[in-house]
């Protein structure tokens, strides 16, 4: 069936089918990973069609590749036109804080017994500080009680070939007062609900600790192709 796809389908459809074969995956496997019906994936592979940006992004993740590769590896441009060049611009402090406050998943850098680690955490901005909860013994908990801790938040839009990254560096401290931890949990859950995220991750958990990071330096960059 994939041979027929390469003969009849669009260029994107043929690349999807070829990548699926390279990974040894069935249509059902890829469709399940991408959250779509196998019949729709078959249509994309065999017909003269091209999926929308959202579907193509999900397929790229399911096939462990990129949207650019499925589209042919290069951005298309008119004959004679100059290829698009990447543009990188620095973000101001106000824009950095706005972007960080609008998201709730970031990464904290920590020194662990096994060596340096970058650990994803769910966070919220409360009183101008980054707060997140960690289980003792994990990489995230190792970030507590450090004079300089790096915390990064970023976002990538492969369809638009653009993205941004914000780095915050400051003093991190564990919150040891149980009463303060409970009050903080309520405020964080409220912040997450405001952003449309569930408050479940902040439910009481045995031995969990809170970490508060107060940024002393904030830098950010935005990158875009073209």
N, C-alpha and C. Protein backbone atom coordinates (compact mmCIF):
# COMPACT_ATOMS: atom_id res chain seq x y z
N UNK A 1 0.82 -1.20 0.00
CA UNK A 1 0.00 0.00 0.00
C UNK A 1 0.86 1.25 0.00
N UNK A 2 2.00 1.20 0.73
CA UNK A 2 2.87 2.36 0.75
C UNK A 2 3.46 2.62 -0.61
N UNK A 3 3.72 1.53 -1.42
CA UNK A 3 4.23 1.74 -2.77
C UNK A 3 3.23 2.54 -3.59
N UNK A 4 1.92 2.23 -3.43
CA UNK A 4 0.91 2.98 -4.15
C UNK A 4 0.90 4.43 -3.68
N UNK A 5 1.12 4.62 -2.35
CA UNK A 5 1.13 5.98 -1.82
C UNK A 5 2.22 6.79 -2.46
N UNK A 6 3.40 6.20 -2.68
CA UNK A 6 4.48 6.96 -3.27
C UNK A 6 4.20 7.26 -4.73
N UNK A 7 3.33 6.43 -5.38
CA UNK A 7 3.05 6.67 -6.78
C UNK A 7 1.94 7.66 -7.00
N UNK A 8 0.97 7.74 -6.08
CA UNK A 8 -0.22 8.54 -6.33
C UNK A 8 -0.32 9.76 -5.43
N UNK A 9 0.20 9.67 -4.22
CA UNK A 9 -0.03 10.72 -3.26
C UNK A 9 0.76 11.98 -3.54
N UNK A 10 0.55 12.97 -2.68
CA UNK A 10 1.30 14.21 -2.77
C UNK A 10 2.72 13.97 -2.27
N UNK A 11 3.59 14.96 -2.48
CA UNK A 11 4.96 14.83 -1.99
C UNK A 11 4.98 14.65 -0.48
N UNK A 12 4.13 15.41 0.22
CA UNK A 12 4.07 15.27 1.67
C UNK A 12 3.58 13.88 2.05
N UNK A 13 2.55 13.39 1.37
CA UNK A 13 2.04 12.06 1.66
C UNK A 13 3.08 10.98 1.44
N UNK A 14 3.87 11.10 0.38
CA UNK A 14 4.92 10.11 0.12
C UNK A 14 5.99 10.15 1.21
N UNK A 15 6.32 11.34 1.68
CA UNK A 15 7.32 11.44 2.75
C UNK A 15 6.79 10.84 4.06
N UNK A 16 5.51 11.05 4.32
CA UNK A 16 4.91 10.45 5.53
C UNK A 16 4.98 8.93 5.44
N UNK A 17 4.59 8.37 4.30
CA UNK A 17 4.60 6.92 4.13
C UNK A 17 6.03 6.37 4.20
N UNK A 18 6.98 7.07 3.58
CA UNK A 18 8.36 6.61 3.59
C UNK A 18 8.93 6.63 5.00
N UNK A 19 8.67 7.69 5.75
CA UNK A 19 9.19 7.77 7.12
C UNK A 19 8.56 6.69 7.99
N UNK A 20 7.27 6.42 7.79
CA UNK A 20 6.59 5.38 8.55
C UNK A 20 7.23 4.02 8.28
N UNK A 21 7.55 3.76 7.01
CA UNK A 21 8.20 2.50 6.66
C UNK A 21 9.59 2.41 7.27
N UNK A 22 10.32 3.52 7.27
CA UNK A 22 11.67 3.51 7.85
C UNK A 22 11.64 3.13 9.32
N UNK A 23 10.59 3.55 10.02
CA UNK A 23 10.46 3.25 11.44
C UNK A 23 9.81 1.89 11.69
N UNK A 24 9.34 1.25 10.62
CA UNK A 24 8.70 -0.06 10.78
C UNK A 24 7.36 0.02 11.47
N UNK A 25 6.62 1.12 11.25
CA UNK A 25 5.34 1.33 11.92
C UNK A 25 4.17 1.12 10.97
N UNK A 26 3.07 0.63 11.50
CA UNK A 26 1.85 0.50 10.70
C UNK A 26 1.09 1.82 10.73
N UNK A 27 0.09 1.93 9.87
CA UNK A 27 -0.75 3.13 9.89
C UNK A 27 -1.44 3.27 11.24
N UNK A 28 -1.87 2.14 11.78
CA UNK A 28 -2.56 2.19 13.08
C UNK A 28 -1.63 2.72 14.17
N UNK A 29 -0.36 2.32 14.11
CA UNK A 29 0.62 2.79 15.10
C UNK A 29 0.76 4.31 15.02
N UNK A 30 0.99 4.81 13.82
CA UNK A 30 1.23 6.24 13.64
C UNK A 30 -0.03 7.04 13.94
N UNK A 31 -1.16 6.55 13.47
CA UNK A 31 -2.42 7.26 13.72
C UNK A 31 -2.69 7.36 15.21
N UNK A 32 -2.42 6.29 15.95
CA UNK A 32 -2.62 6.33 17.39
C UNK A 32 -1.72 7.34 18.06
N UNK A 33 -0.47 7.40 17.63
CA UNK A 33 0.47 8.37 18.19
C UNK A 33 0.05 9.81 17.88
N UNK A 34 -0.48 10.01 16.67
CA UNK A 34 -0.83 11.35 16.24
C UNK A 34 -2.24 11.76 16.63
N UNK A 35 -3.02 10.83 17.19
CA UNK A 35 -4.38 11.16 17.60
C UNK A 35 -5.32 11.39 16.44
N UNK A 36 -5.20 10.55 15.40
CA UNK A 36 -6.09 10.69 14.24
C UNK A 36 -6.53 9.30 13.80
N UNK A 37 -7.54 9.25 12.95
CA UNK A 37 -8.06 7.98 12.47
C UNK A 37 -7.12 7.38 11.43
N UNK A 38 -6.91 6.04 11.43
CA UNK A 38 -6.06 5.41 10.42
C UNK A 38 -6.55 5.69 9.00
N UNK A 39 -7.89 5.81 8.84
CA UNK A 39 -8.42 6.09 7.50
C UNK A 39 -7.97 7.47 7.00
N UNK A 40 -7.88 8.42 7.91
CA UNK A 40 -7.44 9.76 7.51
C UNK A 40 -5.96 9.72 7.13
N UNK A 41 -5.17 8.97 7.88
CA UNK A 41 -3.75 8.86 7.54
C UNK A 41 -3.57 8.20 6.18
N UNK A 42 -4.37 7.19 5.91
CA UNK A 42 -4.31 6.54 4.59
C UNK A 42 -4.65 7.53 3.49
N UNK A 43 -5.66 8.36 3.72
CA UNK A 43 -6.06 9.37 2.74
C UNK A 43 -4.90 10.33 2.46
N UNK A 44 -4.21 10.75 3.54
CA UNK A 44 -3.10 11.69 3.38
C UNK A 44 -1.96 11.07 2.59
N UNK A 45 -1.71 9.79 2.83
CA UNK A 45 -0.60 9.13 2.15
C UNK A 45 -0.90 8.84 0.68
N UNK A 46 -2.15 8.53 0.34
CA UNK A 46 -2.46 8.00 -0.98
C UNK A 46 -3.10 9.00 -1.92
N UNK A 47 -3.62 10.10 -1.39
CA UNK A 47 -4.33 11.03 -2.26
C UNK A 47 -3.51 12.29 -2.51
N UNK A 48 -3.92 13.04 -3.49
CA UNK A 48 -3.24 14.31 -3.80
C UNK A 48 -3.72 15.36 -2.82
N UNK A 49 -3.19 15.32 -1.61
CA UNK A 49 -3.63 16.24 -0.57
C UNK A 49 -2.47 16.56 0.34
N UNK A 50 -2.65 17.59 1.14
CA UNK A 50 -1.63 17.96 2.12
C UNK A 50 -2.33 18.28 3.43
N UNK A 51 -1.88 17.72 4.55
CA UNK A 51 -2.56 17.97 5.82
C UNK A 51 -2.36 19.41 6.29
N UNK A 52 -3.27 19.86 7.15
CA UNK A 52 -3.14 21.17 7.74
C UNK A 52 -1.97 21.21 8.71
N UNK A 53 -1.65 22.43 9.17
CA UNK A 53 -0.49 22.61 10.02
C UNK A 53 -0.56 21.82 11.31
N UNK A 54 -1.74 21.79 11.95
CA UNK A 54 -1.87 21.07 13.22
C UNK A 54 -1.67 19.58 13.03
N UNK A 55 -2.31 19.02 12.00
CA UNK A 55 -2.17 17.58 11.74
C UNK A 55 -0.73 17.24 11.36
N UNK A 56 -0.09 18.10 10.59
CA UNK A 56 1.28 17.83 10.17
C UNK A 56 2.23 17.88 11.37
N UNK A 57 1.99 18.77 12.30
CA UNK A 57 2.82 18.84 13.50
C UNK A 57 2.69 17.56 14.32
N UNK A 58 1.44 17.07 14.46
CA UNK A 58 1.23 15.84 15.22
C UNK A 58 1.87 14.65 14.53
N UNK A 59 1.81 14.63 13.21
CA UNK A 59 2.45 13.54 12.47
C UNK A 59 3.97 13.59 12.60
N UNK A 60 4.51 14.80 12.58
CA UNK A 60 5.97 14.94 12.72
C UNK A 60 6.43 14.39 14.06
N UNK A 61 5.68 14.70 15.13
CA UNK A 61 6.04 14.17 16.45
C UNK A 61 5.88 12.66 16.49
N UNK A 62 4.81 12.16 15.87
CA UNK A 62 4.57 10.71 15.88
C UNK A 62 5.65 9.96 15.11
N UNK A 63 6.22 10.60 14.10
CA UNK A 63 7.23 9.96 13.26
C UNK A 63 8.65 10.35 13.65
N UNK A 64 8.77 11.05 14.78
CA UNK A 64 10.10 11.45 15.28
C UNK A 64 10.89 12.21 14.23
N UNK A 65 10.23 13.19 13.62
CA UNK A 65 10.89 14.02 12.61
C UNK A 65 10.37 15.45 12.75
N UNK A 66 10.56 16.28 11.77
CA UNK A 66 10.13 17.66 11.83
C UNK A 66 9.15 17.97 10.71
N UNK A 67 8.40 19.04 10.91
CA UNK A 67 7.48 19.48 9.86
C UNK A 67 8.25 19.84 8.60
N UNK A 68 9.41 20.50 8.77
CA UNK A 68 10.21 20.89 7.61
C UNK A 68 10.63 19.67 6.80
N UNK A 69 11.02 18.57 7.47
CA UNK A 69 11.42 17.36 6.74
C UNK A 69 10.25 16.78 5.97
N UNK A 70 9.06 16.76 6.57
CA UNK A 70 7.90 16.21 5.88
C UNK A 70 7.50 17.08 4.70
N UNK A 71 7.80 18.36 4.80
CA UNK A 71 7.48 19.27 3.69
C UNK A 71 8.55 19.29 2.62
N UNK A 72 9.67 18.66 2.89
CA UNK A 72 10.71 18.61 1.88
C UNK A 72 12.04 19.13 2.32
N UNK A 73 12.16 19.55 3.58
CA UNK A 73 13.44 19.96 4.10
C UNK A 73 13.79 21.41 3.91
N UNK A 74 13.09 22.14 3.05
CA UNK A 74 13.39 23.54 2.80
C UNK A 74 12.10 24.33 2.72
N UNK A 75 12.18 25.58 3.11
CA UNK A 75 11.04 26.48 2.94
C UNK A 75 10.91 26.82 1.46
N UNK A 76 9.68 26.79 0.94
CA UNK A 76 9.46 27.11 -0.47
C UNK A 76 9.47 28.62 -0.68
N UNK A 77 10.06 29.05 -1.78
CA UNK A 77 10.03 30.47 -2.12
C UNK A 77 9.94 30.60 -3.62
N UNK A 78 9.47 31.73 -4.05
CA UNK A 78 9.25 31.96 -5.47
C UNK A 78 10.57 31.91 -6.22
N UNK A 79 10.55 31.48 -7.52
CA UNK A 79 11.78 31.43 -8.31
C UNK A 79 12.44 32.81 -8.36
N UNK A 80 13.72 32.85 -8.13
CA UNK A 80 14.44 34.11 -8.17
C UNK A 80 14.46 34.87 -6.87
N UNK A 81 13.58 34.45 -5.91
CA UNK A 81 13.54 35.15 -4.63
C UNK A 81 14.65 34.64 -3.73
N UNK A 82 15.14 35.49 -2.85
CA UNK A 82 16.19 35.11 -1.92
C UNK A 82 15.61 34.21 -0.83
N UNK A 83 16.33 33.16 -0.44
CA UNK A 83 15.84 32.30 0.65
C UNK A 83 15.67 33.10 1.93
N UNK A 84 14.69 32.69 2.72
CA UNK A 84 14.45 33.38 3.98
C UNK A 84 15.63 33.18 4.92
N UNK A 85 15.97 34.23 5.65
CA UNK A 85 17.06 34.16 6.60
C UNK A 85 16.52 34.23 8.02
N UNK A 86 17.15 33.51 8.94
CA UNK A 86 16.67 33.57 10.32
C UNK A 86 16.93 34.93 10.94
N UNK A 87 15.97 35.38 11.72
CA UNK A 87 16.10 36.64 12.42
C UNK A 87 16.00 36.37 13.92
N UNK A 88 16.94 36.86 14.67
CA UNK A 88 16.95 36.69 16.12
C UNK A 88 16.94 38.07 16.76
N UNK A 89 15.95 38.31 17.59
CA UNK A 89 15.84 39.61 18.26
C UNK A 89 15.79 39.41 19.77
N UNK A 90 16.33 40.37 20.49
CA UNK A 90 16.34 40.30 21.94
C UNK A 90 15.02 40.83 22.50
N UNK A 91 14.52 40.17 23.52
CA UNK A 91 13.27 40.58 24.16
C UNK A 91 13.57 41.47 25.36
N UNK A 92 12.74 42.47 25.57
CA UNK A 92 12.88 43.34 26.72
C UNK A 92 12.38 42.66 27.98
N UNK A 93 12.75 43.17 29.15
CA UNK A 93 12.34 42.55 30.42
C UNK A 93 10.83 42.42 30.57
N UNK A 94 10.08 43.46 30.16
CA UNK A 94 8.63 43.40 30.31
C UNK A 94 8.03 42.28 29.47
N UNK A 95 8.53 42.12 28.23
CA UNK A 95 8.03 41.06 27.36
C UNK A 95 8.41 39.69 27.92
N UNK A 96 9.61 39.57 28.46
CA UNK A 96 10.04 38.30 29.06
C UNK A 96 9.11 37.89 30.20
N UNK A 97 8.83 38.83 31.11
CA UNK A 97 7.96 38.52 32.24
C UNK A 97 6.54 38.18 31.78
N UNK A 98 6.07 38.87 30.74
CA UNK A 98 4.72 38.58 30.23
C UNK A 98 4.64 37.17 29.67
N UNK A 99 5.65 36.75 28.91
CA UNK A 99 5.65 35.42 28.33
C UNK A 99 5.73 34.34 29.41
N UNK A 100 6.58 34.56 30.41
CA UNK A 100 6.73 33.57 31.48
C UNK A 100 5.43 33.44 32.27
N UNK A 101 4.77 34.56 32.55
CA UNK A 101 3.53 34.53 33.32
C UNK A 101 2.40 33.84 32.55
N UNK A 102 2.49 33.82 31.22
CA UNK A 102 1.41 33.24 30.41
C UNK A 102 1.55 31.74 30.22
N UNK A 103 2.63 31.14 30.71
CA UNK A 103 2.85 29.71 30.55
C UNK A 103 3.00 29.05 31.93
N UNK A 104 3.02 27.71 31.96
CA UNK A 104 3.12 27.03 33.24
C UNK A 104 3.99 25.77 33.20
N UNK A 105 4.75 25.57 32.12
CA UNK A 105 5.71 24.47 32.06
C UNK A 105 7.08 25.05 31.72
N UNK A 106 8.07 24.79 32.57
CA UNK A 106 9.41 25.29 32.35
C UNK A 106 10.44 24.24 32.71
N UNK A 107 11.71 24.64 32.66
CA UNK A 107 12.79 23.72 32.99
C UNK A 107 13.74 24.41 33.96
N UNK A 108 14.13 23.66 34.97
CA UNK A 108 15.05 24.19 35.97
C UNK A 108 16.37 23.44 35.87
N UNK A 109 17.47 24.18 35.94
CA UNK A 109 18.80 23.57 35.93
C UNK A 109 19.23 23.31 37.36
N UNK A 110 19.71 22.09 37.61
CA UNK A 110 20.07 21.72 38.97
C UNK A 110 21.33 20.87 38.97
N UNK A 111 22.09 20.99 40.06
CA UNK A 111 23.27 20.15 40.25
C UNK A 111 22.85 18.97 41.12
N UNK A 112 22.86 17.78 40.56
CA UNK A 112 22.44 16.57 41.27
C UNK A 112 23.66 15.70 41.55
N UNK A 113 23.53 14.69 42.44
CA UNK A 113 24.65 13.78 42.69
C UNK A 113 25.13 13.08 41.42
N UNK A 114 24.24 12.95 40.42
CA UNK A 114 24.62 12.31 39.16
C UNK A 114 25.21 13.28 38.16
N UNK A 115 25.23 14.58 38.51
CA UNK A 115 25.76 15.59 37.62
C UNK A 115 24.71 16.62 37.26
N UNK A 116 25.04 17.60 36.40
CA UNK A 116 24.08 18.63 36.02
C UNK A 116 22.85 18.02 35.34
N UNK A 117 21.69 18.62 35.59
CA UNK A 117 20.44 18.10 35.01
C UNK A 117 19.52 19.26 34.67
N UNK A 118 18.74 19.07 33.62
CA UNK A 118 17.68 20.01 33.23
C UNK A 118 16.37 19.28 33.44
N UNK A 119 15.55 19.79 34.36
CA UNK A 119 14.36 19.07 34.79
C UNK A 119 13.09 19.87 34.47
N UNK A 120 12.11 19.27 33.78
CA UNK A 120 10.85 19.99 33.52
C UNK A 120 10.00 20.03 34.78
N UNK A 121 9.34 21.17 35.00
CA UNK A 121 8.46 21.34 36.15
C UNK A 121 7.24 22.15 35.74
N UNK A 122 6.15 21.96 36.48
CA UNK A 122 4.98 22.82 36.35
C UNK A 122 5.16 23.96 37.35
N UNK A 123 4.99 25.19 36.89
CA UNK A 123 5.27 26.35 37.73
C UNK A 123 4.16 27.38 37.62
N UNK A 124 4.26 28.38 38.46
CA UNK A 124 3.38 29.55 38.37
C UNK A 124 4.17 30.75 38.87
N UNK A 125 3.74 31.93 38.46
CA UNK A 125 4.36 33.17 38.91
C UNK A 125 3.49 33.74 40.02
N UNK A 126 4.05 33.86 41.21
CA UNK A 126 3.33 34.38 42.38
C UNK A 126 4.20 35.46 43.02
N UNK A 127 3.68 36.67 43.07
CA UNK A 127 4.43 37.76 43.68
C UNK A 127 5.73 38.06 42.96
N UNK A 128 5.77 37.87 41.65
CA UNK A 128 6.97 38.13 40.88
C UNK A 128 8.01 37.03 40.93
N UNK A 129 7.75 35.95 41.67
CA UNK A 129 8.70 34.84 41.80
C UNK A 129 8.17 33.60 41.08
N UNK A 130 9.10 32.75 40.65
CA UNK A 130 8.76 31.46 40.07
C UNK A 130 8.61 30.46 41.21
N UNK A 131 7.50 29.77 41.28
CA UNK A 131 7.30 28.76 42.33
C UNK A 131 6.93 27.44 41.68
N UNK A 132 7.51 26.37 42.20
CA UNK A 132 7.19 25.04 41.70
C UNK A 132 7.37 24.05 42.84
N UNK A 133 6.77 22.88 42.69
CA UNK A 133 6.83 21.86 43.72
C UNK A 133 7.66 20.69 43.23
N UNK A 134 8.41 20.08 44.14
CA UNK A 134 9.28 18.97 43.76
C UNK A 134 9.27 17.91 44.85
N UNK A 135 9.52 16.68 44.41
CA UNK A 135 9.62 15.57 45.35
C UNK A 135 11.07 15.44 45.80
N UNK A 136 11.31 15.33 47.10
CA UNK A 136 12.69 15.20 47.59
C UNK A 136 13.43 14.06 46.89
N UNK A 137 14.68 14.32 46.58
CA UNK A 137 15.50 13.32 45.91
C UNK A 137 15.48 13.42 44.40
N UNK A 138 14.59 14.26 43.85
CA UNK A 138 14.54 14.44 42.40
C UNK A 138 15.42 15.62 42.01
N UNK A 139 15.68 15.73 40.70
CA UNK A 139 16.51 16.83 40.23
C UNK A 139 15.92 18.18 40.53
N UNK A 140 14.58 18.28 40.47
CA UNK A 140 13.95 19.58 40.72
C UNK A 140 14.17 20.04 42.15
N UNK A 141 14.14 19.09 43.11
CA UNK A 141 14.32 19.48 44.50
C UNK A 141 15.75 19.94 44.76
N UNK A 142 16.70 19.46 43.95
CA UNK A 142 18.09 19.85 44.12
C UNK A 142 18.31 21.32 43.77
N UNK A 143 17.34 21.94 43.08
CA UNK A 143 17.47 23.35 42.73
C UNK A 143 17.23 24.26 43.92
N UNK A 144 16.62 23.75 44.99
CA UNK A 144 16.35 24.58 46.16
C UNK A 144 17.61 24.93 46.92
N UNK A 145 17.57 26.08 47.62
CA UNK A 145 18.69 26.52 48.44
C UNK A 145 19.97 26.72 47.64
N UNK A 146 19.85 27.40 46.51
CA UNK A 146 21.01 27.75 45.68
C UNK A 146 21.00 29.25 45.42
N UNK A 147 22.19 29.86 45.51
CA UNK A 147 22.27 31.31 45.29
C UNK A 147 22.04 31.68 43.83
N UNK A 148 22.38 30.78 42.91
CA UNK A 148 22.14 31.02 41.50
C UNK A 148 21.55 29.77 40.86
N UNK A 149 20.31 29.90 40.43
CA UNK A 149 19.62 28.81 39.75
C UNK A 149 19.06 29.33 38.44
N UNK A 150 19.21 28.56 37.38
CA UNK A 150 18.71 28.96 36.06
C UNK A 150 17.37 28.28 35.81
N UNK A 151 16.43 29.06 35.27
CA UNK A 151 15.09 28.56 34.96
C UNK A 151 14.73 29.06 33.57
N UNK A 152 14.29 28.14 32.69
CA UNK A 152 14.00 28.51 31.31
C UNK A 152 12.56 28.18 30.95
N UNK A 153 11.96 29.08 30.19
CA UNK A 153 10.64 28.86 29.60
C UNK A 153 10.76 29.18 28.12
N UNK A 154 10.22 28.32 27.27
CA UNK A 154 10.30 28.60 25.84
C UNK A 154 9.08 28.07 25.12
N UNK A 155 8.97 28.43 23.86
CA UNK A 155 7.85 27.97 23.03
C UNK A 155 8.32 27.91 21.59
N UNK A 156 7.98 26.82 20.90
CA UNK A 156 8.36 26.63 19.50
C UNK A 156 7.13 26.39 18.66
N UNK A 157 6.99 27.15 17.58
CA UNK A 157 5.91 26.99 16.62
C UNK A 157 6.54 26.54 15.30
N UNK A 158 6.54 25.23 15.06
CA UNK A 158 7.20 24.72 13.86
C UNK A 158 6.48 25.15 12.59
N UNK A 159 5.15 25.29 12.66
CA UNK A 159 4.40 25.69 11.48
C UNK A 159 4.82 27.09 11.02
N UNK A 160 5.03 27.98 11.98
CA UNK A 160 5.43 29.35 11.66
C UNK A 160 6.94 29.50 11.59
N UNK A 161 7.68 28.44 11.85
CA UNK A 161 9.15 28.46 11.90
C UNK A 161 9.61 29.61 12.80
N UNK A 162 9.09 29.62 14.01
CA UNK A 162 9.41 30.69 14.94
C UNK A 162 9.37 30.16 16.36
N UNK A 163 10.02 30.87 17.26
CA UNK A 163 10.00 30.47 18.65
C UNK A 163 10.65 31.52 19.52
N UNK A 164 10.54 31.34 20.83
CA UNK A 164 11.17 32.26 21.77
C UNK A 164 11.65 31.49 22.99
N UNK A 165 12.58 32.10 23.71
CA UNK A 165 13.12 31.49 24.91
C UNK A 165 13.44 32.58 25.92
N UNK A 166 13.09 32.32 27.18
CA UNK A 166 13.36 33.27 28.26
C UNK A 166 14.15 32.54 29.35
N UNK A 167 15.23 33.14 29.80
CA UNK A 167 16.06 32.57 30.85
C UNK A 167 16.03 33.48 32.07
N UNK A 168 15.68 32.90 33.22
CA UNK A 168 15.67 33.63 34.48
C UNK A 168 16.71 33.01 35.41
N UNK A 169 17.52 33.85 36.03
CA UNK A 169 18.55 33.39 36.95
C UNK A 169 18.38 34.13 38.26
N UNK A 170 18.37 33.39 39.35
CA UNK A 170 18.20 34.03 40.64
C UNK A 170 18.38 33.06 41.79
N UNK A 171 18.08 33.53 42.98
CA UNK A 171 18.25 32.75 44.19
C UNK A 171 17.03 31.86 44.42
N UNK A 172 17.26 30.58 44.66
CA UNK A 172 16.18 29.63 44.91
C UNK A 172 16.23 29.17 46.36
N UNK A 173 15.06 29.08 46.98
CA UNK A 173 14.96 28.64 48.36
C UNK A 173 13.77 27.71 48.54
N UNK A 174 13.96 26.69 49.34
CA UNK A 174 12.85 25.80 49.69
C UNK A 174 11.96 26.51 50.71
N UNK A 175 10.68 26.21 50.64
CA UNK A 175 9.72 26.76 51.59
C UNK A 175 9.45 25.68 52.63
N UNK A 176 9.89 25.94 53.84
CA UNK A 176 9.82 24.91 54.88
C UNK A 176 8.61 25.06 55.80
N UNK A 177 7.98 26.23 55.81
CA UNK A 177 6.83 26.46 56.68
C UNK A 177 5.60 25.78 56.06
N UNK A 178 5.00 24.78 56.72
CA UNK A 178 3.83 24.08 56.15
C UNK A 178 2.67 25.02 55.86
N UNK A 179 2.44 25.99 56.73
CA UNK A 179 1.34 26.92 56.50
C UNK A 179 1.55 27.74 55.25
N UNK A 180 2.78 28.22 55.05
CA UNK A 180 3.07 28.98 53.84
C UNK A 180 2.94 28.10 52.61
N UNK A 181 3.35 26.85 52.73
CA UNK A 181 3.22 25.93 51.61
C UNK A 181 1.77 25.71 51.21
N UNK A 182 0.87 25.59 52.19
CA UNK A 182 -0.55 25.42 51.89
C UNK A 182 -1.13 26.65 51.22
N UNK A 183 -0.76 27.84 51.75
CA UNK A 183 -1.27 29.07 51.13
C UNK A 183 -0.74 29.22 49.71
N UNK A 184 0.50 28.85 49.52
CA UNK A 184 1.09 28.94 48.18
C UNK A 184 0.42 27.97 47.22
N UNK A 185 0.09 26.77 47.70
CA UNK A 185 -0.58 25.79 46.85
C UNK A 185 -1.91 26.32 46.35
N UNK A 186 -2.65 27.01 47.21
CA UNK A 186 -3.93 27.57 46.81
C UNK A 186 -3.75 28.65 45.75
N UNK A 187 -2.74 29.51 45.96
CA UNK A 187 -2.52 30.60 45.01
C UNK A 187 -2.04 30.07 43.66
N UNK A 188 -1.19 29.05 43.69
CA UNK A 188 -0.70 28.47 42.45
C UNK A 188 -1.83 27.79 41.69
N UNK A 189 -2.67 27.03 42.40
CA UNK A 189 -3.81 26.38 41.75
C UNK A 189 -4.72 27.41 41.10
N UNK A 190 -4.90 28.55 41.77
CA UNK A 190 -5.72 29.62 41.21
C UNK A 190 -5.10 30.18 39.94
N UNK A 191 -3.78 30.37 39.96
CA UNK A 191 -3.09 30.88 38.77
C UNK A 191 -3.25 29.91 37.59
N UNK A 192 -3.11 28.63 37.87
CA UNK A 192 -3.21 27.64 36.79
C UNK A 192 -4.62 27.57 36.23
N UNK A 193 -5.62 27.69 37.09
CA UNK A 193 -7.01 27.69 36.60
C UNK A 193 -7.26 28.91 35.71
N UNK A 194 -6.66 30.05 36.06
CA UNK A 194 -6.80 31.24 35.23
C UNK A 194 -6.23 31.01 33.84
N UNK A 195 -5.21 30.16 33.74
CA UNK A 195 -4.58 29.86 32.46
C UNK A 195 -5.20 28.66 31.77
N UNK A 196 -6.26 28.11 32.35
CA UNK A 196 -6.92 26.97 31.74
C UNK A 196 -6.26 25.65 32.03
N UNK A 197 -5.35 25.61 33.04
CA UNK A 197 -4.70 24.36 33.42
C UNK A 197 -5.35 23.81 34.67
N UNK A 198 -5.28 22.49 34.81
CA UNK A 198 -5.90 21.85 35.97
C UNK A 198 -5.10 22.13 37.22
N UNK A 199 -5.79 22.16 38.37
CA UNK A 199 -5.11 22.38 39.63
C UNK A 199 -4.67 21.10 40.29
N UNK A 200 -4.93 19.95 39.66
CA UNK A 200 -4.61 18.67 40.26
C UNK A 200 -3.16 18.47 40.68
N UNK A 201 -2.18 18.89 39.84
CA UNK A 201 -0.79 18.64 40.21
C UNK A 201 -0.38 19.27 41.52
N UNK A 202 -1.19 20.21 42.06
CA UNK A 202 -0.80 20.90 43.27
C UNK A 202 -1.50 20.32 44.50
N UNK A 203 -2.23 19.20 44.32
CA UNK A 203 -2.86 18.56 45.47
C UNK A 203 -1.77 18.09 46.44
N UNK A 204 -2.07 18.03 47.77
CA UNK A 204 -1.05 17.62 48.75
C UNK A 204 -0.43 16.28 48.38
N UNK A 205 0.87 16.21 48.49
CA UNK A 205 1.60 14.99 48.18
C UNK A 205 2.65 14.77 49.26
N UNK A 206 2.76 13.56 49.73
CA UNK A 206 3.64 13.28 50.85
C UNK A 206 5.09 13.66 50.53
N UNK A 207 5.71 14.39 51.46
CA UNK A 207 7.12 14.78 51.39
C UNK A 207 7.44 15.78 50.28
N UNK A 208 6.43 16.28 49.57
CA UNK A 208 6.71 17.25 48.52
C UNK A 208 7.17 18.57 49.13
N UNK A 209 8.05 19.24 48.43
CA UNK A 209 8.56 20.53 48.90
C UNK A 209 8.30 21.59 47.85
N UNK A 210 8.14 22.83 48.32
CA UNK A 210 7.98 23.96 47.44
C UNK A 210 9.32 24.67 47.29
N UNK A 211 9.55 25.18 46.07
CA UNK A 211 10.76 25.95 45.80
C UNK A 211 10.33 27.29 45.20
N UNK A 212 10.92 28.36 45.73
CA UNK A 212 10.64 29.70 45.21
C UNK A 212 11.93 30.29 44.63
N UNK A 213 11.87 30.74 43.39
CA UNK A 213 13.01 31.36 42.73
C UNK A 213 12.69 32.82 42.43
N UNK A 214 13.51 33.71 42.97
CA UNK A 214 13.32 35.14 42.71
C UNK A 214 14.34 35.58 41.65
N UNK A 215 13.88 35.91 40.45
CA UNK A 215 14.81 36.24 39.36
C UNK A 215 15.59 37.52 39.66
N UNK A 216 16.90 37.45 39.44
CA UNK A 216 17.75 38.62 39.53
C UNK A 216 18.15 39.09 38.13
N UNK A 217 18.22 38.15 37.18
CA UNK A 217 18.55 38.48 35.79
C UNK A 217 17.54 37.79 34.88
N UNK A 218 17.05 38.53 33.91
CA UNK A 218 16.08 37.98 32.96
C UNK A 218 16.52 38.37 31.55
N UNK A 219 16.68 37.39 30.69
CA UNK A 219 17.03 37.64 29.29
C UNK A 219 16.14 36.78 28.41
N UNK A 220 15.90 37.24 27.20
CA UNK A 220 15.05 36.48 26.29
C UNK A 220 15.35 36.79 24.85
N UNK A 221 15.03 35.84 23.99
CA UNK A 221 15.28 35.98 22.55
C UNK A 221 14.10 35.41 21.77
N UNK A 222 13.85 36.00 20.63
CA UNK A 222 12.83 35.50 19.72
C UNK A 222 13.48 35.24 18.37
N UNK A 223 13.22 34.05 17.81
CA UNK A 223 13.80 33.67 16.53
C UNK A 223 12.68 33.40 15.52
N UNK A 224 12.92 33.81 14.28
CA UNK A 224 11.93 33.60 13.23
C UNK A 224 12.67 33.45 11.90
N UNK A 225 12.20 32.54 11.07
CA UNK A 225 12.77 32.36 9.74
C UNK A 225 12.04 33.28 8.77
N UNK A 226 12.80 34.21 8.19
CA UNK A 226 12.19 35.13 7.21
C UNK A 226 11.62 36.35 7.88
